[in-house]
mmCIF file of all heavy atoms, coordinates in Angstrom:
data_MODEL
# 
_entry.id   MODEL 
# 
loop_
_atom_site.group_PDB 
_atom_site.id 
_atom_site.type_symbol 
_atom_site.label_atom_id 
_atom_site.label_alt_id 
_atom_site.label_comp_id 
_atom_site.label_asym_id 
_atom_site.label_entity_id 
_atom_site.label_seq_id 
_atom_site.pdbx_PDB_ins_code 
_atom_site.Cartn_x 
_atom_site.Cartn_y 
_atom_site.Cartn_z 
_atom_site.occupancy 
_atom_site.B_iso_or_equiv 
_atom_site.pdbx_formal_charge 
_atom_site.auth_seq_id 
_atom_site.auth_comp_id 
_atom_site.auth_asym_id 
_atom_site.auth_atom_id 
_atom_site.pdbx_PDB_model_num 
ATOM 1   N N   . PRO A 1 1  ? -81.002  26.055 -27.723 1.00 0.00 ? 1  PRO A N   1 
ATOM 2   C CA  . PRO A 1 1  ? -80.753  25.756 -26.303 1.00 0.00 ? 1  PRO A CA  1 
ATOM 3   C C   . PRO A 1 1  ? -80.520  24.278 -26.021 1.00 0.00 ? 1  PRO A C   1 
ATOM 4   O O   . PRO A 1 1  ? -79.734  23.926 -25.134 1.00 0.00 ? 1  PRO A O   1 
ATOM 5   C CB  . PRO A 1 1  ? -82.040  26.259 -25.629 1.00 0.00 ? 1  PRO A CB  1 
ATOM 6   C CG  . PRO A 1 1  ? -82.573  27.299 -26.536 1.00 0.00 ? 1  PRO A CG  1 
ATOM 7   C CD  . PRO A 1 1  ? -82.242  26.840 -27.924 1.00 0.00 ? 1  PRO A CD  1 
ATOM 8   N N   . ILE A 1 2  ? -81.188  23.400 -26.776 1.00 0.00 ? 2  ILE A N   1 
ATOM 9   C CA  . ILE A 1 2  ? -81.083  21.980 -26.502 1.00 0.00 ? 2  ILE A CA  1 
ATOM 10  C C   . ILE A 1 2  ? -79.644  21.481 -26.593 1.00 0.00 ? 2  ILE A C   1 
ATOM 11  O O   . ILE A 1 2  ? -79.264  20.502 -25.930 1.00 0.00 ? 2  ILE A O   1 
ATOM 12  C CB  . ILE A 1 2  ? -82.018  21.175 -27.461 1.00 0.00 ? 2  ILE A CB  1 
ATOM 13  C CG1 . ILE A 1 2  ? -82.247  19.776 -26.926 1.00 0.00 ? 2  ILE A CG1 1 
ATOM 14  C CG2 . ILE A 1 2  ? -81.487  21.180 -28.878 1.00 0.00 ? 2  ILE A CG2 1 
ATOM 15  C CD1 . ILE A 1 2  ? -83.335  19.025 -27.670 1.00 0.00 ? 2  ILE A CD1 1 
ATOM 16  N N   . THR A 1 3  ? -78.835  22.169 -27.380 1.00 0.00 ? 3  THR A N   1 
ATOM 17  C CA  . THR A 1 3  ? -77.426  21.785 -27.549 1.00 0.00 ? 3  THR A CA  1 
ATOM 18  C C   . THR A 1 3  ? -76.667  21.867 -26.229 1.00 0.00 ? 3  THR A C   1 
ATOM 19  O O   . THR A 1 3  ? -75.702  21.125 -25.990 1.00 0.00 ? 3  THR A O   1 
ATOM 20  C CB  . THR A 1 3  ? -76.765  22.707 -28.589 1.00 0.00 ? 3  THR A CB  1 
ATOM 21  O OG1 . THR A 1 3  ? -77.494  22.618 -29.806 1.00 0.00 ? 3  THR A OG1 1 
ATOM 22  C CG2 . THR A 1 3  ? -75.312  22.314 -28.849 1.00 0.00 ? 3  THR A CG2 1 
ATOM 23  N N   . TYR A 1 4  ? -77.094  22.765 -25.347 1.00 0.00 ? 4  TYR A N   1 
ATOM 24  C CA  . TYR A 1 4  ? -76.343  23.026 -24.112 1.00 0.00 ? 4  TYR A CA  1 
ATOM 25  C C   . TYR A 1 4  ? -77.080  22.553 -22.871 1.00 0.00 ? 4  TYR A C   1 
ATOM 26  O O   . TYR A 1 4  ? -76.668  22.885 -21.741 1.00 0.00 ? 4  TYR A O   1 
ATOM 27  C CB  . TYR A 1 4  ? -76.083  24.537 -24.016 1.00 0.00 ? 4  TYR A CB  1 
ATOM 28  C CG  . TYR A 1 4  ? -75.511  25.108 -25.281 1.00 0.00 ? 4  TYR A CG  1 
ATOM 29  C CD1 . TYR A 1 4  ? -76.346  25.753 -26.209 1.00 0.00 ? 4  TYR A CD1 1 
ATOM 30  C CD2 . TYR A 1 4  ? -74.159  24.976 -25.600 1.00 0.00 ? 4  TYR A CD2 1 
ATOM 31  C CE1 . TYR A 1 4  ? -75.843  26.263 -27.395 1.00 0.00 ? 4  TYR A CE1 1 
ATOM 32  C CE2 . TYR A 1 4  ? -73.646  25.467 -26.788 1.00 0.00 ? 4  TYR A CE2 1 
ATOM 33  C CZ  . TYR A 1 4  ? -74.494  26.116 -27.683 1.00 0.00 ? 4  TYR A CZ  1 
ATOM 34  O OH  . TYR A 1 4  ? -73.980  26.604 -28.846 1.00 0.00 ? 4  TYR A OH  1 
ATOM 35  N N   . ALA A 1 5  ? -78.133  21.755 -23.025 1.00 0.00 ? 5  ALA A N   1 
ATOM 36  C CA  . ALA A 1 5  ? -78.940  21.340 -21.881 1.00 0.00 ? 5  ALA A CA  1 
ATOM 37  C C   . ALA A 1 5  ? -78.110  20.580 -20.841 1.00 0.00 ? 5  ALA A C   1 
ATOM 38  O O   . ALA A 1 5  ? -78.405  20.643 -19.635 1.00 0.00 ? 5  ALA A O   1 
ATOM 39  C CB  . ALA A 1 5  ? -80.101  20.459 -22.355 1.00 0.00 ? 5  ALA A CB  1 
ATOM 40  N N   . LYS A 1 6  ? -77.074  19.926 -21.281 1.00 0.00 ? 6  LYS A N   1 
ATOM 41  C CA  . LYS A 1 6  ? -76.229  19.156 -20.359 1.00 0.00 ? 6  LYS A CA  1 
ATOM 42  C C   . LYS A 1 6  ? -75.532  20.043 -19.322 1.00 0.00 ? 6  LYS A C   1 
ATOM 43  O O   . LYS A 1 6  ? -75.021  19.539 -18.310 1.00 0.00 ? 6  LYS A O   1 
ATOM 44  C CB  . LYS A 1 6  ? -75.188  18.374 -21.143 1.00 0.00 ? 6  LYS A CB  1 
ATOM 45  C CG  . LYS A 1 6  ? -74.260  19.253 -21.972 1.00 0.00 ? 6  LYS A CG  1 
ATOM 46  C CD  . LYS A 1 6  ? -73.354  18.434 -22.880 1.00 0.00 ? 6  LYS A CD  1 
ATOM 47  C CE  . LYS A 1 6  ? -72.514  19.346 -23.770 1.00 0.00 ? 6  LYS A CE  1 
ATOM 48  N NZ  . LYS A 1 6  ? -71.697  18.558 -24.723 1.00 0.00 ? 6  LYS A NZ  1 
ATOM 49  N N   . ASN A 1 7  ? -75.516  21.354 -19.573 1.00 0.00 ? 7  ASN A N   1 
ATOM 50  C CA  . ASN A 1 7  ? -74.817  22.278 -18.660 1.00 0.00 ? 7  ASN A CA  1 
ATOM 51  C C   . ASN A 1 7  ? -75.709  22.807 -17.534 1.00 0.00 ? 7  ASN A C   1 
ATOM 52  O O   . ASN A 1 7  ? -75.242  23.603 -16.718 1.00 0.00 ? 7  ASN A O   1 
ATOM 53  C CB  . ASN A 1 7  ? -74.260  23.458 -19.440 1.00 0.00 ? 7  ASN A CB  1 
ATOM 54  C CG  . ASN A 1 7  ? -73.247  23.053 -20.479 1.00 0.00 ? 7  ASN A CG  1 
ATOM 55  O OD1 . ASN A 1 7  ? -72.523  22.070 -20.295 1.00 0.00 ? 7  ASN A OD1 1 
ATOM 56  N ND2 . ASN A 1 7  ? -73.168  23.791 -21.582 1.00 0.00 ? 7  ASN A ND2 1 
ATOM 57  N N   . LEU A 1 8  ? -76.956  22.377 -17.474 1.00 0.00 ? 8  LEU A N   1 
ATOM 58  C CA  . LEU A 1 8  ? -77.850  22.922 -16.456 1.00 0.00 ? 8  LEU A CA  1 
ATOM 59  C C   . LEU A 1 8  ? -77.343  22.615 -15.060 1.00 0.00 ? 8  LEU A C   1 
ATOM 60  O O   . LEU A 1 8  ? -76.978  21.487 -14.735 1.00 0.00 ? 8  LEU A O   1 
ATOM 61  C CB  . LEU A 1 8  ? -79.258  22.311 -16.618 1.00 0.00 ? 8  LEU A CB  1 
ATOM 62  C CG  . LEU A 1 8  ? -80.277  22.718 -15.558 1.00 0.00 ? 8  LEU A CG  1 
ATOM 63  C CD1 . LEU A 1 8  ? -80.594  24.211 -15.648 1.00 0.00 ? 8  LEU A CD1 1 
ATOM 64  C CD2 . LEU A 1 8  ? -81.560  21.895 -15.694 1.00 0.00 ? 8  LEU A CD2 1 
ATOM 65  N N   . GLU A 1 9  ? -77.309  23.668 -14.206 1.00 0.00 ? 9  GLU A N   1 
ATOM 66  C CA  . GLU A 1 9  ? -76.933  23.493 -12.811 1.00 0.00 ? 9  GLU A CA  1 
ATOM 67  C C   . GLU A 1 9  ? -78.008  23.998 -11.857 1.00 0.00 ? 9  GLU A C   1 
ATOM 68  O O   . GLU A 1 9  ? -78.103  23.535 -10.725 1.00 0.00 ? 9  GLU A O   1 
ATOM 69  C CB  . GLU A 1 9  ? -75.613  24.237 -12.531 1.00 0.00 ? 9  GLU A CB  1 
ATOM 70  C CG  . GLU A 1 9  ? -74.421  23.668 -13.264 1.00 0.00 ? 9  GLU A CG  1 
ATOM 71  C CD  . GLU A 1 9  ? -73.130  24.417 -12.971 1.00 0.00 ? 9  GLU A CD  1 
ATOM 72  O OE1 . GLU A 1 9  ? -73.139  25.250 -12.023 1.00 0.00 ? 9  GLU A OE1 1 
ATOM 73  O OE2 . GLU A 1 9  ? -72.134  24.193 -13.676 1.00 0.00 ? 9  GLU A OE2 1 
ATOM 74  N N   . GLY A 1 10 ? -78.806  24.970 -12.290 1.00 0.00 ? 10 GLY A N   1 
ATOM 75  C CA  . GLY A 1 10 ? -79.753  25.609 -11.382 1.00 0.00 ? 10 GLY A CA  1 
ATOM 76  C C   . GLY A 1 10 ? -81.151  24.995 -11.439 1.00 0.00 ? 10 GLY A C   1 
ATOM 77  O O   . GLY A 1 10 ? -81.351  23.848 -11.863 1.00 0.00 ? 10 GLY A O   1 
ATOM 78  N N   . ASN A 1 11 ? -82.104  25.793 -10.994 1.00 0.00 ? 11 ASN A N   1 
ATOM 79  C CA  . ASN A 1 11 ? -83.508  25.368 -10.934 1.00 0.00 ? 11 ASN A CA  1 
ATOM 80  C C   . ASN A 1 11 ? -84.212  25.804 -12.206 1.00 0.00 ? 11 ASN A C   1 
ATOM 81  O O   . ASN A 1 11 ? -84.240  26.995 -12.544 1.00 0.00 ? 11 ASN A O   1 
ATOM 82  C CB  . ASN A 1 11 ? -84.194  26.024 -9.736  1.00 0.00 ? 11 ASN A CB  1 
ATOM 83  C CG  . ASN A 1 11 ? -83.363  25.895 -8.466  1.00 0.00 ? 11 ASN A CG  1 
ATOM 84  O OD1 . ASN A 1 11 ? -83.176  24.798 -7.956  1.00 0.00 ? 11 ASN A OD1 1 
ATOM 85  N ND2 . ASN A 1 11 ? -82.865  27.007 -7.963  1.00 0.00 ? 11 ASN A ND2 1 
ATOM 86  N N   . LEU A 1 12 ? -84.825  24.878 -12.926 1.00 0.00 ? 12 LEU A N   1 
ATOM 87  C CA  . LEU A 1 12 ? -85.462  25.183 -14.210 1.00 0.00 ? 12 LEU A CA  1 
ATOM 88  C C   . LEU A 1 12 ? -86.908  24.731 -14.209 1.00 0.00 ? 12 LEU A C   1 
ATOM 89  O O   . LEU A 1 12 ? -87.213  23.550 -13.928 1.00 0.00 ? 12 LEU A O   1 
ATOM 90  C CB  . LEU A 1 12 ? -84.711  24.517 -15.352 1.00 0.00 ? 12 LEU A CB  1 
ATOM 91  C CG  . LEU A 1 12 ? -85.318  24.713 -16.762 1.00 0.00 ? 12 LEU A CG  1 
ATOM 92  C CD1 . LEU A 1 12 ? -85.342  26.185 -17.133 1.00 0.00 ? 12 LEU A CD1 1 
ATOM 93  C CD2 . LEU A 1 12 ? -84.542  23.914 -17.797 1.00 0.00 ? 12 LEU A CD2 1 
ATOM 94  N N   . LEU A 1 13 ? -87.807  25.663 -14.530 1.00 0.00 ? 13 LEU A N   1 
ATOM 95  C CA  . LEU A 1 13 ? -89.217  25.382 -14.733 1.00 0.00 ? 13 LEU A CA  1 
ATOM 96  C C   . LEU A 1 13 ? -89.533  25.551 -16.215 1.00 0.00 ? 13 LEU A C   1 
ATOM 97  O O   . LEU A 1 13 ? -89.285  26.614 -16.800 1.00 0.00 ? 13 LEU A O   1 
ATOM 98  C CB  . LEU A 1 13 ? -90.086  26.320 -13.911 1.00 0.00 ? 13 LEU A CB  1 
ATOM 99  C CG  . LEU A 1 13 ? -91.598  26.271 -14.156 1.00 0.00 ? 13 LEU A CG  1 
ATOM 100 C CD1 . LEU A 1 13 ? -92.170  24.909 -13.762 1.00 0.00 ? 13 LEU A CD1 1 
ATOM 101 C CD2 . LEU A 1 13 ? -92.324  27.401 -13.406 1.00 0.00 ? 13 LEU A CD2 1 
ATOM 102 N N   . ILE A 1 14 ? -90.073  24.501 -16.834 1.00 0.00 ? 14 ILE A N   1 
ATOM 103 C CA  . ILE A 1 14 ? -90.463  24.535 -18.256 1.00 0.00 ? 14 ILE A CA  1 
ATOM 104 C C   . ILE A 1 14 ? -91.983  24.557 -18.316 1.00 0.00 ? 14 ILE A C   1 
ATOM 105 O O   . ILE A 1 14 ? -92.651  23.703 -17.709 1.00 0.00 ? 14 ILE A O   1 
ATOM 106 C CB  . ILE A 1 14 ? -89.914  23.309 -19.008 1.00 0.00 ? 14 ILE A CB  1 
ATOM 107 C CG1 . ILE A 1 14 ? -88.388  23.261 -18.919 1.00 0.00 ? 14 ILE A CG1 1 
ATOM 108 C CG2 . ILE A 1 14 ? -90.364  23.315 -20.460 1.00 0.00 ? 14 ILE A CG2 1 
ATOM 109 C CD1 . ILE A 1 14 ? -87.791  21.947 -19.406 1.00 0.00 ? 14 ILE A CD1 1 
ATOM 110 N N   . VAL A 1 15 ? -92.552  25.521 -19.044 1.00 0.00 ? 15 VAL A N   1 
ATOM 111 C CA  . VAL A 1 15 ? -94.009  25.667 -19.172 1.00 0.00 ? 15 VAL A CA  1 
ATOM 112 C C   . VAL A 1 15 ? -94.350  25.692 -20.644 1.00 0.00 ? 15 VAL A C   1 
ATOM 113 O O   . VAL A 1 15 ? -93.718  26.419 -21.434 1.00 0.00 ? 15 VAL A O   1 
ATOM 114 C CB  . VAL A 1 15 ? -94.484  26.964 -18.479 1.00 0.00 ? 15 VAL A CB  1 
ATOM 115 C CG1 . VAL A 1 15 ? -95.993  27.113 -18.630 1.00 0.00 ? 15 VAL A CG1 1 
ATOM 116 C CG2 . VAL A 1 15 ? -94.093  26.995 -17.029 1.00 0.00 ? 15 VAL A CG2 1 
ATOM 117 N N   . HIS A 1 16 ? -95.357  24.926 -21.046 1.00 0.00 ? 16 HIS A N   1 
ATOM 118 C CA  . HIS A 1 16 ? -95.747  24.905 -22.463 1.00 0.00 ? 16 HIS A CA  1 
ATOM 119 C C   . HIS A 1 16 ? -97.208  24.453 -22.591 1.00 0.00 ? 16 HIS A C   1 
ATOM 120 O O   . HIS A 1 16 ? -97.677  23.577 -21.879 1.00 0.00 ? 16 HIS A O   1 
ATOM 121 C CB  . HIS A 1 16 ? -94.867  23.954 -23.250 1.00 0.00 ? 16 HIS A CB  1 
ATOM 122 C CG  . HIS A 1 16 ? -94.528  24.428 -24.622 1.00 0.00 ? 16 HIS A CG  1 
ATOM 123 N ND1 . HIS A 1 16 ? -93.265  24.785 -25.030 1.00 0.00 ? 16 HIS A ND1 1 
ATOM 124 C CD2 . HIS A 1 16 ? -95.318  24.649 -25.711 1.00 0.00 ? 16 HIS A CD2 1 
ATOM 125 C CE1 . HIS A 1 16 ? -93.272  25.191 -26.286 1.00 0.00 ? 16 HIS A CE1 1 
ATOM 126 N NE2 . HIS A 1 16 ? -94.517  25.103 -26.718 1.00 0.00 ? 16 HIS A NE2 1 
ATOM 127 N N   . GLY A 1 17 ? -97.923  25.060 -23.547 1.00 0.00 ? 17 GLY A N   1 
ATOM 128 C CA  . GLY A 1 17 ? -99.270  24.602 -23.875 1.00 0.00 ? 17 GLY A CA  1 
ATOM 129 C C   . GLY A 1 17 ? -99.205  23.481 -24.866 1.00 0.00 ? 17 GLY A C   1 
ATOM 130 O O   . GLY A 1 17 ? -98.492  23.567 -25.885 1.00 0.00 ? 17 GLY A O   1 
ATOM 131 N N   . THR A 1 18 ? -99.924  22.403 -24.627 1.00 0.00 ? 18 THR A N   1 
ATOM 132 C CA  . THR A 1 18 ? -99.867  21.262 -25.534 1.00 0.00 ? 18 THR A CA  1 
ATOM 133 C C   . THR A 1 18 ? -100.573 21.542 -26.848 1.00 0.00 ? 18 THR A C   1 
ATOM 134 O O   . THR A 1 18 ? -100.375 20.841 -27.834 1.00 0.00 ? 18 THR A O   1 
ATOM 135 C CB  . THR A 1 18 ? -100.490 20.011 -24.885 1.00 0.00 ? 18 THR A CB  1 
ATOM 136 O OG1 . THR A 1 18 ? -101.905 20.206 -24.723 1.00 0.00 ? 18 THR A OG1 1 
ATOM 137 C CG2 . THR A 1 18 ? -99.845  19.705 -23.542 1.00 0.00 ? 18 THR A CG2 1 
ATOM 138 N N   . GLY A 1 19 ? -101.403 22.600 -26.888 1.00 0.00 ? 19 GLY A N   1 
ATOM 139 C CA  . GLY A 1 19 ? -102.099 22.968 -28.121 1.00 0.00 ? 19 GLY A CA  1 
ATOM 140 C C   . GLY A 1 19 ? -101.451 24.168 -28.796 1.00 0.00 ? 19 GLY A C   1 
ATOM 141 O O   . GLY A 1 19 ? -102.118 24.876 -29.573 1.00 0.00 ? 19 GLY A O   1 
ATOM 142 N N   . ASP A 1 20 ? -100.186 24.400 -28.549 1.00 0.00 ? 20 ASP A N   1 
ATOM 143 C CA  . ASP A 1 20 ? -99.477  25.530 -29.123 1.00 0.00 ? 20 ASP A CA  1 
ATOM 144 C C   . ASP A 1 20 ? -99.219  25.261 -30.614 1.00 0.00 ? 20 ASP A C   1 
ATOM 145 O O   . ASP A 1 20 ? -98.370  24.443 -30.966 1.00 0.00 ? 20 ASP A O   1 
ATOM 146 C CB  . ASP A 1 20 ? -98.157  25.747 -28.375 1.00 0.00 ? 20 ASP A CB  1 
ATOM 147 C CG  . ASP A 1 20 ? -97.476  27.066 -28.715 1.00 0.00 ? 20 ASP A CG  1 
ATOM 148 O OD1 . ASP A 1 20 ? -97.733  27.595 -29.808 1.00 0.00 ? 20 ASP A OD1 1 
ATOM 149 O OD2 . ASP A 1 20 ? -96.667  27.544 -27.899 1.00 0.00 ? 20 ASP A OD2 1 
ATOM 150 N N   . ASP A 1 21 ? -99.951  25.971 -31.481 1.00 0.00 ? 21 ASP A N   1 
ATOM 151 C CA  . ASP A 1 21 ? -99.770  25.764 -32.934 1.00 0.00 ? 21 ASP A CA  1 
ATOM 152 C C   . ASP A 1 21 ? -98.601  26.577 -33.481 1.00 0.00 ? 21 ASP A C   1 
ATOM 153 O O   . ASP A 1 21 ? -98.201  26.405 -34.636 1.00 0.00 ? 21 ASP A O   1 
ATOM 154 C CB  . ASP A 1 21 ? -101.043 26.141 -33.683 1.00 0.00 ? 21 ASP A CB  1 
ATOM 155 C CG  . ASP A 1 21 ? -101.409 27.604 -33.513 1.00 0.00 ? 21 ASP A CG  1 
ATOM 156 O OD1 . ASP A 1 21 ? -101.878 27.972 -32.434 1.00 0.00 ? 21 ASP A OD1 1 
ATOM 157 O OD2 . ASP A 1 21 ? -101.204 28.386 -34.464 1.00 0.00 ? 21 ASP A OD2 1 
ATOM 158 N N   . ASN A 1 22 ? -98.036  27.471 -32.675 1.00 0.00 ? 22 ASN A N   1 
ATOM 159 C CA  . ASN A 1 22 ? -96.940  28.323 -33.097 1.00 0.00 ? 22 ASN A CA  1 
ATOM 160 C C   . ASN A 1 22 ? -95.595  27.669 -32.725 1.00 0.00 ? 22 ASN A C   1 
ATOM 161 O O   . ASN A 1 22 ? -94.855  27.247 -33.604 1.00 0.00 ? 22 ASN A O   1 
ATOM 162 C CB  . ASN A 1 22 ? -97.089  29.687 -32.437 1.00 0.00 ? 22 ASN A CB  1 
ATOM 163 C CG  . ASN A 1 22 ? -96.031  30.688 -32.862 1.00 0.00 ? 22 ASN A CG  1 
ATOM 164 O OD1 . ASN A 1 22 ? -95.104  30.355 -33.566 1.00 0.00 ? 22 ASN A OD1 1 
ATOM 165 N ND2 . ASN A 1 22 ? -96.177  31.910 -32.382 1.00 0.00 ? 22 ASN A ND2 1 
ATOM 166 N N   . VAL A 1 23 ? -95.298  27.607 -31.435 1.00 0.00 ? 23 VAL A N   1 
ATOM 167 C CA  . VAL A 1 23 ? -94.105  26.923 -30.954 1.00 0.00 ? 23 VAL A CA  1 
ATOM 168 C C   . VAL A 1 23 ? -94.576  25.582 -30.378 1.00 0.00 ? 23 VAL A C   1 
ATOM 169 O O   . VAL A 1 23 ? -95.144  25.534 -29.298 1.00 0.00 ? 23 VAL A O   1 
ATOM 170 C CB  . VAL A 1 23 ? -93.389  27.752 -29.875 1.00 0.00 ? 23 VAL A CB  1 
ATOM 171 C CG1 . VAL A 1 23 ? -92.154  27.017 -29.356 1.00 0.00 ? 23 VAL A CG1 1 
ATOM 172 C CG2 . VAL A 1 23 ? -92.995  29.112 -30.431 1.00 0.00 ? 23 VAL A CG2 1 
ATOM 173 N N   . HIS A 1 24 ? -94.343  24.530 -31.093 1.00 0.00 ? 24 HIS A N   1 
ATOM 174 C CA  . HIS A 1 24 ? -94.980  23.260 -30.762 1.00 0.00 ? 24 HIS A CA  1 
ATOM 175 C C   . HIS A 1 24 ? -94.454  22.681 -29.452 1.00 0.00 ? 24 HIS A C   1 
ATOM 176 O O   . HIS A 1 24 ? -93.260  22.783 -29.135 1.00 0.00 ? 24 HIS A O   1 
ATOM 177 C CB  . HIS A 1 24 ? -94.750  22.265 -31.890 1.00 0.00 ? 24 HIS A CB  1 
ATOM 178 C CG  . HIS A 1 24 ? -95.332  22.708 -33.195 1.00 0.00 ? 24 HIS A CG  1 
ATOM 179 N ND1 . HIS A 1 24 ? -94.821  22.327 -34.415 1.00 0.00 ? 24 HIS A ND1 1 
ATOM 180 C CD2 . HIS A 1 24 ? -96.373  23.533 -33.470 1.00 0.00 ? 24 HIS A CD2 1 
ATOM 181 C CE1 . HIS A 1 24 ? -95.528  22.899 -35.385 1.00 0.00 ? 24 HIS A CE1 1 
ATOM 182 N NE2 . HIS A 1 24 ? -96.468  23.628 -34.819 1.00 0.00 ? 24 HIS A NE2 1 
ATOM 183 N N   . TYR A 1 25 ? -95.371  22.028 -28.744 1.00 0.00 ? 25 TYR A N   1 
ATOM 184 C CA  . TYR A 1 25 ? -95.051  21.341 -27.499 1.00 0.00 ? 25 TYR A CA  1 
ATOM 185 C C   . TYR A 1 25 ? -93.972  20.282 -27.713 1.00 0.00 ? 25 TYR A C   1 
ATOM 186 O O   . TYR A 1 25 ? -93.225  19.939 -26.790 1.00 0.00 ? 25 TYR A O   1 
ATOM 187 C CB  . TYR A 1 25 ? -96.339  20.696 -26.936 1.00 0.00 ? 25 TYR A CB  1 
ATOM 188 C CG  . TYR A 1 25 ? -96.140  19.866 -25.703 1.00 0.00 ? 25 TYR A CG  1 
ATOM 189 C CD1 . TYR A 1 25 ? -95.872  20.477 -24.478 1.00 0.00 ? 25 TYR A CD1 1 
ATOM 190 C CD2 . TYR A 1 25 ? -96.232  18.483 -25.740 1.00 0.00 ? 25 TYR A CD2 1 
ATOM 191 C CE1 . TYR A 1 25 ? -95.681  19.709 -23.329 1.00 0.00 ? 25 TYR A CE1 1 
ATOM 192 C CE2 . TYR A 1 25 ? -96.050  17.705 -24.610 1.00 0.00 ? 25 TYR A CE2 1 
ATOM 193 C CZ  . TYR A 1 25 ? -95.779  18.311 -23.398 1.00 0.00 ? 25 TYR A CZ  1 
ATOM 194 O OH  . TYR A 1 25 ? -95.593  17.575 -22.280 1.00 0.00 ? 25 TYR A OH  1 
# 
């Protein structure tokens, strides 16, 4: 997804746990 971040037009909420050992923060 990061490859296309420049195309964002709408409303985006990003949520992440800082202690996520699986998908890192």
